[in-house]
Amino acid sequence: MTKNCYSTVNITGAMFPGGIAGANQSGALIEYCYSTGNVIGTTGAFGISGSNAAGSTVRNCVALSPKVTSNNSASVSRIASANGTVSNNKAREDMKIGISGSESAVLTAQTGVNNEHGANVALNTAQTSVFSGWDTAIWNINTGNLSNGALPTLKPNPQSSTTLPAS
């Protein structure tokens, strides 16, 4: 399970890179995560999870990358491949996806919270709306909109130090 995380780096990979994970295996779950960096793949590219295998789930995630692109005609989507379950996800409305050099925005008819492209989110949308339902005991979520406020961060998680067990 990958839960409550974010990535702000650009991702480049060979086969099906994703903004959070390259592969979401059967039975696995990615939830309450967001990504902001460009994702560029040689074969396919995805805003959150590259390979989303049958039996896996990506839910309550937000893809805010400006661009998700592939060097060939393999699958490209704003959230994840449609093999597994995608549920209650959102993506930047003006995100460009497609083959390198021919990227374009996704048509509104191809979007929705429960499909591989997620629901459209405009940059002037309030963060409290975009990240609605996220646990505020874990996340610092600002009241500004996406374009003029700092994005959510994880709250500190104090831990006591541990040591390696004896051999």
Protein backbone atom coordinates (compact mmCIF):
# COMPACT_ATOMS: atom_id res chain seq x y z
CA MET A 1 0.00 0.00 0.00
CA THR A 2 1.16 3.49 -0.84
CA LYS A 3 -0.79 6.05 1.16
CA ASN A 4 -0.47 9.73 2.10
CA CYS A 5 2.47 10.74 -0.05
CA TYR A 6 3.41 13.24 -2.71
CA SER A 7 6.05 13.69 -5.40
CA THR A 8 7.28 17.03 -6.77
CA VAL A 9 10.02 15.76 -9.10
CA ASN A 10 10.07 15.12 -12.83
CA ILE A 11 9.98 11.39 -13.65
CA THR A 12 11.61 9.79 -16.69
CA GLY A 13 11.39 6.04 -17.27
CA ALA A 14 11.41 3.32 -19.88
CA MET A 15 8.23 1.27 -19.40
CA PHE A 16 5.10 2.85 -17.91
CA PRO A 17 6.52 5.36 -15.44
CA GLY A 18 4.11 7.06 -13.06
CA GLY A 19 4.26 10.20 -10.92
CA ILE A 20 3.96 8.14 -7.71
CA ALA A 21 4.65 4.52 -8.75
CA GLY A 22 5.77 2.64 -11.84
CA ALA A 23 3.70 -0.42 -10.98
CA ASN A 24 0.66 -1.01 -8.79
CA GLN A 25 0.53 -4.80 -8.55
CA SER A 26 -2.60 -6.92 -8.11
CA GLY A 27 -4.03 -6.43 -4.64
CA ALA A 28 -2.09 -3.19 -4.09
CA LEU A 29 -3.54 0.22 -3.26
CA ILE A 30 -2.37 3.79 -3.90
CA GLU A 31 -4.46 6.44 -2.14
CA TYR A 32 -4.34 10.04 -0.88
CA CYS A 33 -1.30 10.90 -3.00
CA TYR A 34 -0.50 13.70 -5.41
CA SER A 35 2.18 14.36 -8.00
CA THR A 36 3.30 17.66 -9.59
CA GLY A 37 6.27 16.79 -11.82
CA ASN A 38 6.25 16.00 -15.54
CA VAL A 39 6.22 12.29 -16.39
CA ILE A 40 8.06 11.18 -19.54
CA GLY A 41 8.17 7.57 -20.69
CA THR A 42 9.72 5.66 -23.54
CA THR A 43 6.75 3.30 -23.55
CA GLY A 44 3.65 4.79 -21.93
CA ALA A 45 3.39 7.35 -19.10
CA PHE A 46 0.89 8.03 -16.30
CA GLY A 47 0.25 10.85 -13.84
CA ILE A 48 0.00 8.64 -10.72
CA SER A 49 0.64 4.93 -11.44
CA GLY A 50 2.21 3.34 -14.52
CA SER A 51 1.04 -0.24 -14.59
CA ASN A 52 -2.22 -0.47 -12.63
CA ALA A 53 -2.72 -4.25 -12.68
CA ALA A 54 -6.09 -5.99 -12.54
CA GLY A 55 -7.06 -6.28 -8.87
CA SER A 56 -5.18 -3.10 -7.87
CA THR A 57 -6.68 0.29 -6.97
CA VAL A 58 -5.72 3.96 -7.33
CA ARG A 59 -8.13 6.17 -5.40
CA ASN A 60 -8.41 9.66 -3.94
CA CYS A 61 -5.29 10.82 -5.81
CA VAL A 62 -4.59 14.09 -7.61
CA ALA A 63 -2.33 14.41 -10.67
CA LEU A 64 -1.09 18.01 -11.03
CA SER A 65 1.67 17.45 -13.59
CA PRO A 66 1.83 19.98 -16.43
CA LYS A 67 2.68 17.20 -18.91
CA VAL A 68 2.55 13.38 -19.15
CA THR A 69 4.11 12.17 -22.38
CA SER A 70 5.46 9.07 -24.12
CA ASN A 71 7.92 8.65 -26.97
CA ASN A 72 5.62 6.21 -28.79
CA SER A 73 1.93 5.44 -29.17
CA ALA A 74 1.69 3.34 -26.00
CA SER A 75 -0.93 4.20 -23.42
CA VAL A 76 -0.78 7.60 -21.71
CA SER A 77 -3.26 8.86 -19.11
CA ARG A 78 -3.52 11.47 -16.38
CA ILE A 79 -4.06 8.97 -13.52
CA ALA A 80 -3.31 5.30 -14.29
CA SER A 81 -3.84 2.52 -16.79
CA ALA A 82 -7.42 1.26 -16.77
CA ASN A 83 -6.61 -2.40 -16.01
CA GLY A 84 -7.18 -1.99 -12.26
CA THR A 85 -9.73 0.11 -10.41
CA VAL A 86 -9.52 3.91 -10.47
CA SER A 87 -11.80 5.70 -8.05
CA ASN A 88 -12.38 9.33 -6.98
CA ASN A 89 -9.27 10.74 -8.67
CA LYS A 90 -8.69 14.23 -10.04
CA ALA A 91 -6.25 15.77 -12.49
CA ARG A 92 -5.09 19.18 -13.60
CA GLU A 93 -7.52 20.40 -16.25
CA ASP A 94 -4.81 21.88 -18.50
CA MET A 95 -2.44 18.89 -18.27
CA LYS A 96 -1.05 17.95 -21.68
CA ILE A 97 -0.78 14.23 -22.47
CA GLY A 98 0.18 12.14 -25.50
CA ILE A 99 3.08 11.35 -27.78
CA SER A 100 6.09 13.68 -27.35
CA GLY A 101 5.65 16.78 -29.49
CA SER A 102 1.92 16.14 -30.04
CA GLU A 103 0.57 16.50 -26.51
CA SER A 104 -2.89 17.95 -25.92
CA ALA A 105 -5.41 18.41 -23.12
CA VAL A 106 -7.89 15.60 -22.47
CA LEU A 107 -11.39 16.20 -23.79
CA THR A 108 -13.92 16.79 -20.99
CA ALA A 109 -16.00 13.86 -22.28
CA GLN A 110 -13.04 11.57 -21.49
CA THR A 111 -12.74 12.68 -17.85
CA GLY A 112 -14.41 11.61 -14.61
CA VAL A 113 -13.47 10.71 -11.04
CA ASN A 114 -13.70 6.99 -11.82
CA ASN A 115 -11.79 6.71 -15.06
CA GLU A 116 -8.14 6.68 -16.11
CA HIS A 117 -8.00 10.46 -16.64
CA GLY A 118 -9.69 11.56 -13.40
CA ALA A 119 -12.00 14.55 -13.03
CA ASN A 120 -10.87 17.95 -14.28
CA VAL A 121 -9.53 20.38 -11.67
CA ALA A 122 -8.92 24.00 -12.67
CA LEU A 123 -5.92 25.79 -11.17
CA ASN A 124 -8.23 28.36 -9.55
CA THR A 125 -9.99 25.63 -7.53
CA ALA A 126 -9.72 25.88 -3.74
CA GLN A 127 -7.37 23.31 -2.24
CA THR A 128 -9.97 22.43 0.37
CA SER A 129 -12.17 21.28 -2.52
CA VAL A 130 -9.43 19.46 -4.46
CA PHE A 131 -8.19 17.59 -1.38
CA SER A 132 -11.63 17.12 0.21
CA GLY A 133 -11.78 13.98 2.32
CA TRP A 134 -8.04 13.88 2.99
CA ASP A 135 -7.20 13.40 6.67
CA THR A 136 -6.33 16.81 8.14
CA ALA A 137 -4.72 15.08 11.14
CA ILE A 138 -2.07 13.91 8.63
CA TRP A 139 -2.10 16.69 6.01
CA ASN A 140 -1.64 20.49 6.16
CA ILE A 141 -4.13 21.65 3.52
CA ASN A 142 -4.12 25.35 2.68
CA THR A 143 -7.22 27.42 2.02
CA GLY A 144 -5.86 29.07 -1.15
CA ASN A 145 -6.37 27.75 -4.65
CA LEU A 146 -3.97 25.51 -6.53
CA SER A 147 -2.26 28.30 -8.45
CA ASN A 148 -1.56 30.76 -5.62
CA GLY A 149 -1.08 28.69 -2.48
CA ALA A 150 1.48 26.23 -1.21
CA LEU A 151 0.33 22.68 -1.88
CA PRO A 152 -0.49 20.26 0.96
CA THR A 153 2.33 18.88 3.08
CA LEU A 154 2.44 16.05 5.56
CA LYS A 155 2.38 17.02 9.22
CA PRO A 156 5.39 16.05 11.35
CA ASN A 157 5.34 12.48 12.61
CA PRO A 158 7.59 12.28 15.68
CA GLN A 159 9.18 8.89 16.13
CA SER A 160 11.54 7.38 18.62
CA SER A 161 14.85 6.09 17.31
CA THR A 162 15.30 2.40 16.69
CA THR A 163 18.34 0.16 16.38
CA LEU A 164 19.07 -2.85 14.25
CA PRO A 165 18.36 -6.17 15.94
CA ALA A 166 21.35 -8.28 17.01
CA SER A 167 22.46 -10.94 14.55
